[in-house]
Amino acid sequence: MLKNILFLIMLVAAPSLFAQRYAYVDSKYILENMDEYKDAQTELDAMSKKWQETVEAKMAELDRMRRAFEAEKILLTLALKKERELDLKTKETEIRTYQKDKFGVNGELFKKRKELIQPLQDDIFNAIKELAKERSYAMILDKGVNSNILFSDPKYDKSDVILKKLGYSGSDK
């Protein structure tokens, strides 16, 4: 009896399960085919490079200060040793603070990336929502960065459709 009830439930529920439509996109691929993303990435890379060069220069100065201190250490009075050690610690703290301000979780690079990339991601998301509504997709997955999709049939990839909605043509796939 229980088997018959389960069988009937499966017969009733199965068509609705199979009626769902699914697709996926590759957001990384979409972004890489958008000129605005390429421009934003170039700007971010230039900022990052400039700041990294500044960090390296500050680290080189700290290294010079350390070597000079080590060379003069035996000749210095206790007060001068403490002063130089304090200078070294202050310089280290300055470098760490600079790195955090530029590259940290809420640093300038993060904020600039959000400012430049977030609008593009919003455009992609809106195009995906529109596609889902137009074609009655129950779900659209992202095969892009940090995906758990192990295999996907290319016929369900709608990345180029999204690019066209955004006014671009795919070229890398």
N, C-alpha and C. Protein backbone atom coordinates (compact mmCIF):
# COMPACT_ATOMS: atom_id res chain seq x y z
N MET A 1 0.82 -1.20 0.00
CA MET A 1 0.00 0.00 0.00
C MET A 1 0.86 1.26 0.00
N LEU A 2 1.86 1.31 0.91
CA LEU A 2 2.75 2.46 0.98
C LEU A 2 3.51 2.65 -0.32
N LYS A 3 3.92 1.52 -0.94
CA LYS A 3 4.62 1.59 -2.21
C LYS A 3 3.73 2.20 -3.28
N ASN A 4 2.47 1.84 -3.28
CA ASN A 4 1.52 2.36 -4.26
C ASN A 4 1.32 3.87 -4.08
N ILE A 5 1.26 4.30 -2.83
CA ILE A 5 1.09 5.74 -2.55
C ILE A 5 2.32 6.50 -3.01
N LEU A 6 3.50 5.99 -2.68
CA LEU A 6 4.74 6.63 -3.12
C LEU A 6 4.83 6.67 -4.64
N PHE A 7 4.41 5.58 -5.29
CA PHE A 7 4.43 5.53 -6.74
C PHE A 7 3.51 6.59 -7.34
N LEU A 8 2.32 6.74 -6.76
CA LEU A 8 1.38 7.76 -7.23
C LEU A 8 1.93 9.17 -7.02
N ILE A 9 2.57 9.40 -5.88
CA ILE A 9 3.18 10.71 -5.62
C ILE A 9 4.26 11.00 -6.66
N MET A 10 5.07 9.99 -6.96
CA MET A 10 6.14 10.15 -7.96
C MET A 10 5.55 10.47 -9.33
N LEU A 11 4.47 9.77 -9.69
CA LEU A 11 3.84 10.02 -10.99
C LEU A 11 3.30 11.43 -11.08
N VAL A 12 2.74 11.91 -10.00
CA VAL A 12 2.16 13.27 -10.00
C VAL A 12 3.27 14.32 -9.96
N ALA A 13 4.28 14.09 -9.15
CA ALA A 13 5.33 15.09 -8.95
C ALA A 13 6.37 15.09 -10.06
N ALA A 14 6.61 13.95 -10.67
CA ALA A 14 7.69 13.85 -11.67
C ALA A 14 7.56 14.83 -12.82
N PRO A 15 6.39 14.98 -13.43
CA PRO A 15 6.30 15.93 -14.55
C PRO A 15 6.68 17.36 -14.16
N SER A 16 6.29 17.78 -12.96
CA SER A 16 6.63 19.14 -12.56
C SER A 16 8.12 19.27 -12.29
N LEU A 17 8.77 18.19 -11.83
CA LEU A 17 10.21 18.23 -11.61
C LEU A 17 10.95 18.36 -12.93
N PHE A 18 10.50 17.62 -13.92
CA PHE A 18 11.19 17.63 -15.21
C PHE A 18 10.84 18.86 -16.04
N ALA A 19 9.79 19.56 -15.68
CA ALA A 19 9.38 20.73 -16.43
C ALA A 19 10.26 21.95 -16.13
N GLN A 20 11.01 21.89 -15.06
CA GLN A 20 11.87 23.01 -14.69
C GLN A 20 12.97 23.17 -15.74
N ARG A 21 13.29 24.41 -16.04
CA ARG A 21 14.35 24.68 -17.01
C ARG A 21 15.52 25.32 -16.28
N TYR A 22 16.72 24.86 -16.65
CA TYR A 22 17.94 25.34 -16.02
C TYR A 22 18.93 25.78 -17.07
N ALA A 23 19.81 26.67 -16.68
CA ALA A 23 20.89 27.12 -17.56
C ALA A 23 22.04 27.55 -16.67
N TYR A 24 23.15 27.90 -17.28
CA TYR A 24 24.25 28.44 -16.52
C TYR A 24 24.96 29.50 -17.34
N VAL A 25 25.71 30.32 -16.67
CA VAL A 25 26.55 31.34 -17.31
C VAL A 25 27.93 31.25 -16.67
N ASP A 26 28.89 31.84 -17.33
CA ASP A 26 30.25 31.95 -16.80
C ASP A 26 30.51 33.44 -16.62
N SER A 27 30.31 33.93 -15.39
CA SER A 27 30.43 35.37 -15.15
C SER A 27 31.85 35.88 -15.41
N LYS A 28 32.83 35.05 -15.17
CA LYS A 28 34.23 35.46 -15.44
C LYS A 28 34.41 35.68 -16.94
N TYR A 29 33.93 34.76 -17.74
CA TYR A 29 33.99 34.88 -19.20
C TYR A 29 33.25 36.13 -19.67
N ILE A 30 32.08 36.37 -19.10
CA ILE A 30 31.29 37.54 -19.49
C ILE A 30 32.07 38.82 -19.17
N LEU A 31 32.58 38.92 -17.95
CA LEU A 31 33.34 40.12 -17.57
C LEU A 31 34.55 40.32 -18.46
N GLU A 32 35.28 39.25 -18.76
CA GLU A 32 36.49 39.36 -19.56
C GLU A 32 36.21 39.79 -20.99
N ASN A 33 34.95 39.71 -21.41
CA ASN A 33 34.58 40.14 -22.75
C ASN A 33 33.92 41.52 -22.77
N MET A 34 33.96 42.20 -21.64
CA MET A 34 33.40 43.56 -21.54
C MET A 34 34.54 44.56 -21.52
N ASP A 35 34.50 45.53 -22.44
CA ASP A 35 35.56 46.54 -22.53
C ASP A 35 35.71 47.33 -21.23
N GLU A 36 34.58 47.65 -20.58
CA GLU A 36 34.63 48.40 -19.33
C GLU A 36 35.39 47.63 -18.25
N TYR A 37 35.23 46.32 -18.25
CA TYR A 37 35.93 45.49 -17.27
C TYR A 37 37.43 45.52 -17.55
N LYS A 38 37.80 45.39 -18.81
CA LYS A 38 39.22 45.43 -19.18
C LYS A 38 39.84 46.77 -18.78
N ASP A 39 39.11 47.86 -19.03
CA ASP A 39 39.60 49.20 -18.65
C ASP A 39 39.73 49.32 -17.13
N ALA A 40 38.73 48.83 -16.42
CA ALA A 40 38.75 48.88 -14.95
C ALA A 40 39.92 48.06 -14.41
N GLN A 41 40.12 46.89 -14.98
CA GLN A 41 41.21 46.02 -14.53
C GLN A 41 42.56 46.67 -14.79
N THR A 42 42.70 47.34 -15.92
CA THR A 42 43.95 48.05 -16.24
C THR A 42 44.19 49.16 -15.22
N GLU A 43 43.15 49.90 -14.89
CA GLU A 43 43.27 50.97 -13.90
C GLU A 43 43.63 50.41 -12.52
N LEU A 44 42.98 49.33 -12.13
CA LEU A 44 43.27 48.70 -10.84
C LEU A 44 44.69 48.16 -10.79
N ASP A 45 45.13 47.55 -11.89
CA ASP A 45 46.49 47.02 -11.94
C ASP A 45 47.53 48.14 -11.82
N ALA A 46 47.26 49.28 -12.47
CA ALA A 46 48.19 50.41 -12.40
C ALA A 46 48.27 50.96 -10.97
N MET A 47 47.11 51.09 -10.33
CA MET A 47 47.09 51.56 -8.94
C MET A 47 47.85 50.60 -8.03
N SER A 48 47.57 49.33 -8.20
CA SER A 48 48.20 48.31 -7.38
C SER A 48 49.71 48.30 -7.57
N LYS A 49 50.14 48.42 -8.81
CA LYS A 49 51.58 48.42 -9.11
C LYS A 49 52.27 49.62 -8.46
N LYS A 50 51.64 50.79 -8.56
CA LYS A 50 52.21 52.01 -7.97
C LYS A 50 52.34 51.85 -6.46
N TRP A 51 51.30 51.35 -5.83
CA TRP A 51 51.31 51.18 -4.37
C TRP A 51 52.32 50.10 -3.96
N GLN A 52 52.41 49.04 -4.77
CA GLN A 52 53.37 47.98 -4.44
C GLN A 52 54.80 48.51 -4.55
N GLU A 53 55.05 49.34 -5.53
CA GLU A 53 56.38 49.95 -5.66
C GLU A 53 56.69 50.83 -4.45
N THR A 54 55.70 51.54 -3.95
CA THR A 54 55.88 52.36 -2.75
C THR A 54 56.21 51.47 -1.55
N VAL A 55 55.49 50.36 -1.41
CA VAL A 55 55.75 49.42 -0.30
C VAL A 55 57.18 48.90 -0.41
N GLU A 56 57.58 48.51 -1.60
CA GLU A 56 58.94 47.98 -1.79
C GLU A 56 60.00 49.02 -1.47
N ALA A 57 59.76 50.27 -1.83
CA ALA A 57 60.71 51.34 -1.51
C ALA A 57 60.79 51.55 0.00
N LYS A 58 59.64 51.52 0.66
CA LYS A 58 59.63 51.67 2.12
C LYS A 58 60.33 50.49 2.79
N MET A 59 60.14 49.28 2.26
CA MET A 59 60.80 48.10 2.81
C MET A 59 62.32 48.18 2.61
N ALA A 60 62.74 48.69 1.47
CA ALA A 60 64.17 48.85 1.21
C ALA A 60 64.77 49.86 2.19
N GLU A 61 64.04 50.95 2.44
CA GLU A 61 64.50 51.95 3.41
C GLU A 61 64.59 51.33 4.81
N LEU A 62 63.62 50.54 5.19
CA LEU A 62 63.64 49.87 6.48
C LEU A 62 64.84 48.92 6.57
N ASP A 63 65.11 48.21 5.50
CA ASP A 63 66.26 47.30 5.47
C ASP A 63 67.57 48.07 5.63
N ARG A 64 67.67 49.21 4.96
CA ARG A 64 68.87 50.06 5.10
C ARG A 64 69.02 50.54 6.55
N MET A 65 67.90 50.95 7.13
CA MET A 65 67.93 51.41 8.52
C MET A 65 68.38 50.28 9.45
N ARG A 66 67.89 49.08 9.22
CA ARG A 66 68.27 47.92 10.06
C ARG A 66 69.77 47.63 9.94
N ARG A 67 70.25 47.61 8.68
CA ARG A 67 71.67 47.33 8.48
C ARG A 67 72.55 48.39 9.13
N ALA A 68 72.15 49.64 9.01
CA ALA A 68 72.92 50.72 9.63
C ALA A 68 72.90 50.58 11.15
N PHE A 69 71.76 50.24 11.68
CA PHE A 69 71.65 50.06 13.13
C PHE A 69 72.54 48.91 13.60
N GLU A 70 72.49 47.80 12.89
CA GLU A 70 73.30 46.64 13.28
C GLU A 70 74.80 46.98 13.21
N ALA A 71 75.18 47.75 12.22
CA ALA A 71 76.59 48.12 12.07
C ALA A 71 77.05 49.06 13.18
N GLU A 72 76.17 49.96 13.63
CA GLU A 72 76.55 50.97 14.62
C GLU A 72 76.16 50.58 16.05
N LYS A 73 75.45 49.50 16.19
CA LYS A 73 74.87 49.10 17.47
C LYS A 73 75.87 49.10 18.64
N ILE A 74 77.03 48.55 18.43
CA ILE A 74 77.99 48.45 19.53
C ILE A 74 78.58 49.79 19.92
N LEU A 75 78.49 50.76 19.03
CA LEU A 75 79.05 52.08 19.31
C LEU A 75 78.03 53.03 19.96
N LEU A 76 76.76 52.64 19.93
CA LEU A 76 75.70 53.53 20.40
C LEU A 76 75.48 53.41 21.90
N THR A 77 75.05 54.53 22.47
CA THR A 77 74.67 54.51 23.89
C THR A 77 73.33 53.79 24.01
N LEU A 78 72.98 53.41 25.20
CA LEU A 78 71.72 52.71 25.45
C LEU A 78 70.53 53.56 24.98
N ALA A 79 70.59 54.86 25.24
CA ALA A 79 69.50 55.76 24.83
C ALA A 79 69.38 55.81 23.31
N LEU A 80 70.51 55.89 22.61
CA LEU A 80 70.48 55.93 21.14
C LEU A 80 70.00 54.59 20.56
N LYS A 81 70.40 53.48 21.20
CA LYS A 81 69.92 52.17 20.75
C LYS A 81 68.40 52.10 20.83
N LYS A 82 67.87 52.53 21.98
CA LYS A 82 66.41 52.50 22.17
C LYS A 82 65.71 53.41 21.15
N GLU A 83 66.32 54.56 20.90
CA GLU A 83 65.75 55.50 19.92
C GLU A 83 65.72 54.88 18.52
N ARG A 84 66.82 54.24 18.12
CA ARG A 84 66.89 53.60 16.79
C ARG A 84 65.91 52.42 16.69
N GLU A 85 65.82 51.63 17.77
CA GLU A 85 64.88 50.52 17.77
C GLU A 85 63.43 51.02 17.65
N LEU A 86 63.16 52.12 18.32
CA LEU A 86 61.83 52.73 18.22
C LEU A 86 61.58 53.22 16.79
N ASP A 87 62.60 53.82 16.18
CA ASP A 87 62.49 54.27 14.78
C ASP A 87 62.18 53.10 13.85
N LEU A 88 62.86 51.97 14.07
CA LEU A 88 62.62 50.78 13.25
C LEU A 88 61.20 50.27 13.42
N LYS A 89 60.75 50.20 14.66
CA LYS A 89 59.38 49.73 14.92
C LYS A 89 58.35 50.69 14.32
N THR A 90 58.62 51.98 14.43
CA THR A 90 57.72 52.98 13.86
C THR A 90 57.64 52.83 12.35
N LYS A 91 58.79 52.61 11.71
CA LYS A 91 58.83 52.42 10.26
C LYS A 91 58.08 51.15 9.86
N GLU A 92 58.26 50.07 10.61
CA GLU A 92 57.54 48.82 10.33
C GLU A 92 56.03 49.03 10.43
N THR A 93 55.61 49.71 11.47
CA THR A 93 54.19 49.99 11.67
C THR A 93 53.65 50.86 10.53
N GLU A 94 54.43 51.83 10.13
CA GLU A 94 54.04 52.71 9.01
C GLU A 94 53.82 51.89 7.74
N ILE A 95 54.72 50.96 7.49
CA ILE A 95 54.61 50.12 6.28
C ILE A 95 53.37 49.24 6.36
N ARG A 96 53.16 48.60 7.51
CA ARG A 96 51.97 47.73 7.67
C ARG A 96 50.68 48.54 7.51
N THR A 97 50.67 49.72 8.09
CA THR A 97 49.49 50.57 7.98
C THR A 97 49.23 50.96 6.53
N TYR A 98 50.30 51.32 5.82
CA TYR A 98 50.18 51.69 4.41
C TYR A 98 49.63 50.51 3.61
N GLN A 99 50.19 49.32 3.84
CA GLN A 99 49.72 48.13 3.12
C GLN A 99 48.24 47.87 3.41
N LYS A 100 47.86 47.98 4.67
CA LYS A 100 46.45 47.75 5.05
C LYS A 100 45.54 48.80 4.41
N ASP A 101 45.99 50.07 4.42
CA ASP A 101 45.19 51.15 3.85
C ASP A 101 44.99 50.98 2.34
N LYS A 102 46.00 50.43 1.68
CA LYS A 102 45.93 50.27 0.22
C LYS A 102 45.36 48.93 -0.20
N PHE A 103 45.83 47.84 0.44
CA PHE A 103 45.50 46.49 -0.02
C PHE A 103 44.59 45.70 0.91
N GLY A 104 44.27 46.24 2.06
CA GLY A 104 43.47 45.52 3.05
C GLY A 104 42.04 45.29 2.61
N VAL A 105 41.31 44.57 3.45
CA VAL A 105 39.92 44.20 3.15
C VAL A 105 39.06 45.43 2.84
N ASN A 106 39.25 46.50 3.57
CA ASN A 106 38.51 47.73 3.30
C ASN A 106 39.42 48.83 2.79
N GLY A 107 40.52 48.42 2.16
CA GLY A 107 41.50 49.38 1.66
C GLY A 107 41.05 50.05 0.37
N GLU A 108 41.89 50.95 -0.09
CA GLU A 108 41.56 51.73 -1.29
C GLU A 108 41.37 50.85 -2.53
N LEU A 109 42.21 49.82 -2.68
CA LEU A 109 42.08 48.94 -3.85
C LEU A 109 40.73 48.22 -3.83
N PHE A 110 40.32 47.72 -2.67
CA PHE A 110 39.03 47.05 -2.53
C PHE A 110 37.90 48.01 -2.88
N LYS A 111 37.97 49.23 -2.35
CA LYS A 111 36.91 50.21 -2.60
C LYS A 111 36.86 50.60 -4.07
N LYS A 112 38.02 50.78 -4.68
CA LYS A 112 38.07 51.15 -6.09
C LYS A 112 37.55 50.01 -6.96
N ARG A 113 37.92 48.77 -6.60
CA ARG A 113 37.44 47.61 -7.35
C ARG A 113 35.91 47.55 -7.27
N LYS A 114 35.39 47.77 -6.07
CA LYS A 114 33.93 47.76 -5.90
C LYS A 114 33.29 48.87 -6.74
N GLU A 115 33.89 50.04 -6.71
CA GLU A 115 33.36 51.19 -7.47
C GLU A 115 33.34 50.91 -8.97
N LEU A 116 34.39 50.26 -9.48
CA LEU A 116 34.51 50.04 -10.92
C LEU A 116 33.81 48.77 -11.40
N ILE A 117 33.88 47.71 -10.60
CA ILE A 117 33.40 46.40 -11.05
C ILE A 117 31.94 46.15 -10.66
N GLN A 118 31.52 46.65 -9.51
CA GLN A 118 30.15 46.38 -9.03
C GLN A 118 29.07 46.77 -10.04
N PRO A 119 29.16 47.94 -10.68
CA PRO A 119 28.12 48.28 -11.67
C PRO A 119 28.07 47.28 -12.83
N LEU A 120 29.23 46.76 -13.22
CA LEU A 120 29.26 45.77 -14.31
C LEU A 120 28.61 44.47 -13.85
N GLN A 121 28.90 44.06 -12.63
CA GLN A 121 28.29 42.85 -12.08
C GLN A 121 26.78 43.03 -11.93
N ASP A 122 26.36 44.22 -11.56
CA ASP A 122 24.92 44.50 -11.45
C ASP A 122 24.25 44.40 -12.83
N ASP A 123 24.91 44.92 -13.86
CA ASP A 123 24.37 44.82 -15.22
C ASP A 123 24.23 43.36 -15.65
N ILE A 124 25.25 42.56 -15.33
CA ILE A 124 25.20 41.14 -15.67
C ILE A 124 24.06 40.46 -14.92
N PHE A 125 23.95 40.73 -13.63
CA PHE A 125 22.88 40.14 -12.83
C PHE A 125 21.51 40.51 -13.38
N ASN A 126 21.32 41.78 -13.75
CA ASN A 126 20.03 42.21 -14.29
C ASN A 126 19.73 41.53 -15.63
N ALA A 127 20.76 41.35 -16.46
CA ALA A 127 20.58 40.66 -17.74
C ALA A 127 20.23 39.19 -17.51
N ILE A 128 20.82 38.58 -16.50
CA ILE A 128 20.52 37.19 -16.17
C ILE A 128 19.08 37.07 -15.68
N LYS A 129 18.66 38.00 -14.81
CA LYS A 129 17.26 37.99 -14.34
C LYS A 129 16.29 38.13 -15.51
N GLU A 130 16.62 39.02 -16.42
CA GLU A 130 15.77 39.25 -17.58
C GLU A 130 15.68 37.98 -18.45
N LEU A 131 16.83 37.34 -18.68
CA LEU A 131 16.85 36.11 -19.46
C LEU A 131 16.03 35.02 -18.78
N ALA A 132 16.18 34.88 -17.47
CA ALA A 132 15.44 33.87 -16.71
C ALA A 132 13.94 34.10 -16.86
N LYS A 133 13.53 35.34 -16.79
CA LYS A 133 12.11 35.67 -16.91
C LYS A 133 11.62 35.40 -18.34
N GLU A 134 12.38 35.86 -19.34
CA GLU A 134 11.99 35.68 -20.74
C GLU A 134 11.84 34.22 -21.13
N ARG A 135 12.77 33.40 -20.66
CA ARG A 135 12.81 31.99 -21.08
C ARG A 135 12.31 31.02 -20.01
N SER A 136 11.74 31.56 -18.96
CA SER A 136 11.16 30.75 -17.88
C SER A 136 12.15 29.76 -17.27
N TYR A 137 13.34 30.23 -16.99
CA TYR A 137 14.32 29.38 -16.31
C TYR A 137 14.02 29.38 -14.81
N ALA A 138 14.03 28.21 -14.23
CA ALA A 138 13.83 28.10 -12.79
C ALA A 138 15.10 28.50 -12.06
N MET A 139 16.24 28.26 -12.71
CA MET A 139 17.51 28.53 -12.06
C MET A 139 18.58 28.76 -13.12
N ILE A 140 19.43 29.76 -12.88
CA ILE A 140 20.61 29.98 -13.71
C ILE A 140 21.80 29.97 -12.76
N LEU A 141 22.71 29.04 -12.98
CA LEU A 141 23.89 28.88 -12.14
C LEU A 141 25.06 29.64 -12.75
N ASP A 142 26.06 29.92 -11.92
CA ASP A 142 27.26 30.60 -12.39
C ASP A 142 28.42 29.63 -12.38
N LYS A 143 29.01 29.42 -13.53
CA LYS A 143 30.15 28.51 -13.65
C LYS A 143 31.45 29.28 -13.45
N GLY A 144 31.37 30.55 -13.21
CA GLY A 144 32.54 31.41 -13.08
C GLY A 144 33.38 31.08 -11.86
N VAL A 145 33.98 32.08 -11.29
CA VAL A 145 34.91 31.93 -10.17
C VAL A 145 34.25 31.21 -8.99
N ASN A 146 35.00 30.33 -8.35
CA ASN A 146 34.57 29.58 -7.16
C ASN A 146 33.32 28.74 -7.39
N SER A 147 33.19 28.18 -8.55
CA SER A 147 32.02 27.36 -8.87
C SER A 147 32.21 25.93 -8.37
N ASN A 148 31.12 25.32 -8.00
CA ASN A 148 31.13 23.91 -7.63
C ASN A 148 30.62 23.03 -8.77
N ILE A 149 30.42 23.61 -9.93
CA ILE A 149 29.94 22.84 -11.07
C ILE A 149 31.12 22.04 -11.63
N LEU A 150 30.99 20.73 -11.59
CA LEU A 150 32.09 19.86 -12.04
C LEU A 150 32.01 19.58 -13.54
N PHE A 151 30.82 19.54 -14.07
CA PHE A 151 30.64 19.33 -15.50
C PHE A 151 29.41 20.10 -15.94
N SER A 152 29.47 20.65 -17.13
CA SER A 152 28.31 21.33 -17.69
C SER A 152 28.30 21.15 -19.20
N ASP A 153 27.15 20.86 -19.71
CA ASP A 153 26.98 20.69 -21.15
C ASP A 153 26.94 22.09 -21.77
N PRO A 154 27.81 22.36 -22.74
CA PRO A 154 27.87 23.70 -23.34
C PRO A 154 26.54 24.19 -23.94
N LYS A 155 25.65 23.27 -24.27
CA LYS A 155 24.39 23.72 -24.87
C LYS A 155 23.53 24.49 -23.86
N TYR A 156 23.83 24.36 -22.55
CA TYR A 156 23.09 25.08 -21.53
C TYR A 156 23.80 26.36 -21.08
N ASP A 157 24.93 26.65 -21.70
CA ASP A 157 25.70 27.85 -21.37
C ASP A 157 25.08 29.05 -22.07
N LYS A 158 24.62 30.00 -21.32
CA LYS A 158 23.96 31.19 -21.86
C LYS A 158 24.83 32.45 -21.72
N SER A 159 26.12 32.26 -21.53
CA SER A 159 27.04 33.40 -21.35
C SER A 159 27.02 34.33 -22.55
N ASP A 160 27.07 33.76 -23.76
CA ASP A 160 27.06 34.61 -24.94
C ASP A 160 25.73 35.34 -25.12
N VAL A 161 24.64 34.72 -24.69
CA VAL A 161 23.33 35.38 -24.73
C VAL A 161 23.35 36.62 -23.82
N ILE A 162 23.94 36.45 -22.63
CA ILE A 162 24.04 37.58 -21.70
C ILE A 162 24.93 38.67 -22.29
N LEU A 163 26.05 38.27 -22.89
CA LEU A 163 26.93 39.27 -23.51
C LEU A 163 26.19 40.05 -24.60
N LYS A 164 25.40 39.37 -25.39
CA LYS A 164 24.63 40.05 -26.45
C LYS A 164 23.61 41.01 -25.84
N LYS A 165 22.97 40.60 -24.74
CA LYS A 165 22.02 41.48 -24.05
C LYS A 165 22.72 42.75 -23.57
N LEU A 166 23.99 42.61 -23.21
CA LEU A 166 24.77 43.75 -22.72
C LEU A 166 25.44 44.53 -23.84
N GLY A 167 25.26 44.08 -25.09
CA GLY A 167 25.81 44.80 -26.23
C GLY A 167 27.21 44.36 -26.65
N TYR A 168 27.61 43.16 -26.27
CA TYR A 168 28.93 42.63 -26.63
C TYR A 168 28.78 41.34 -27.39
N SER A 169 29.86 40.93 -28.01
CA SER A 169 29.88 39.60 -28.64
C SER A 169 30.99 38.80 -28.00
N GLY A 170 30.70 37.54 -27.71
CA GLY A 170 31.70 36.67 -27.10
C GLY A 170 32.76 36.33 -28.11
N SER A 171 33.99 36.14 -27.62
CA SER A 171 35.06 35.82 -28.56
C SER A 171 36.01 34.77 -28.06
N ASP A 172 36.04 34.53 -26.75
CA ASP A 172 37.05 33.63 -26.18
C ASP A 172 36.60 32.18 -26.10
N LYS A 173 35.32 31.90 -26.32
CA LYS A 173 34.83 30.51 -26.18
C LYS A 173 34.77 29.83 -27.53
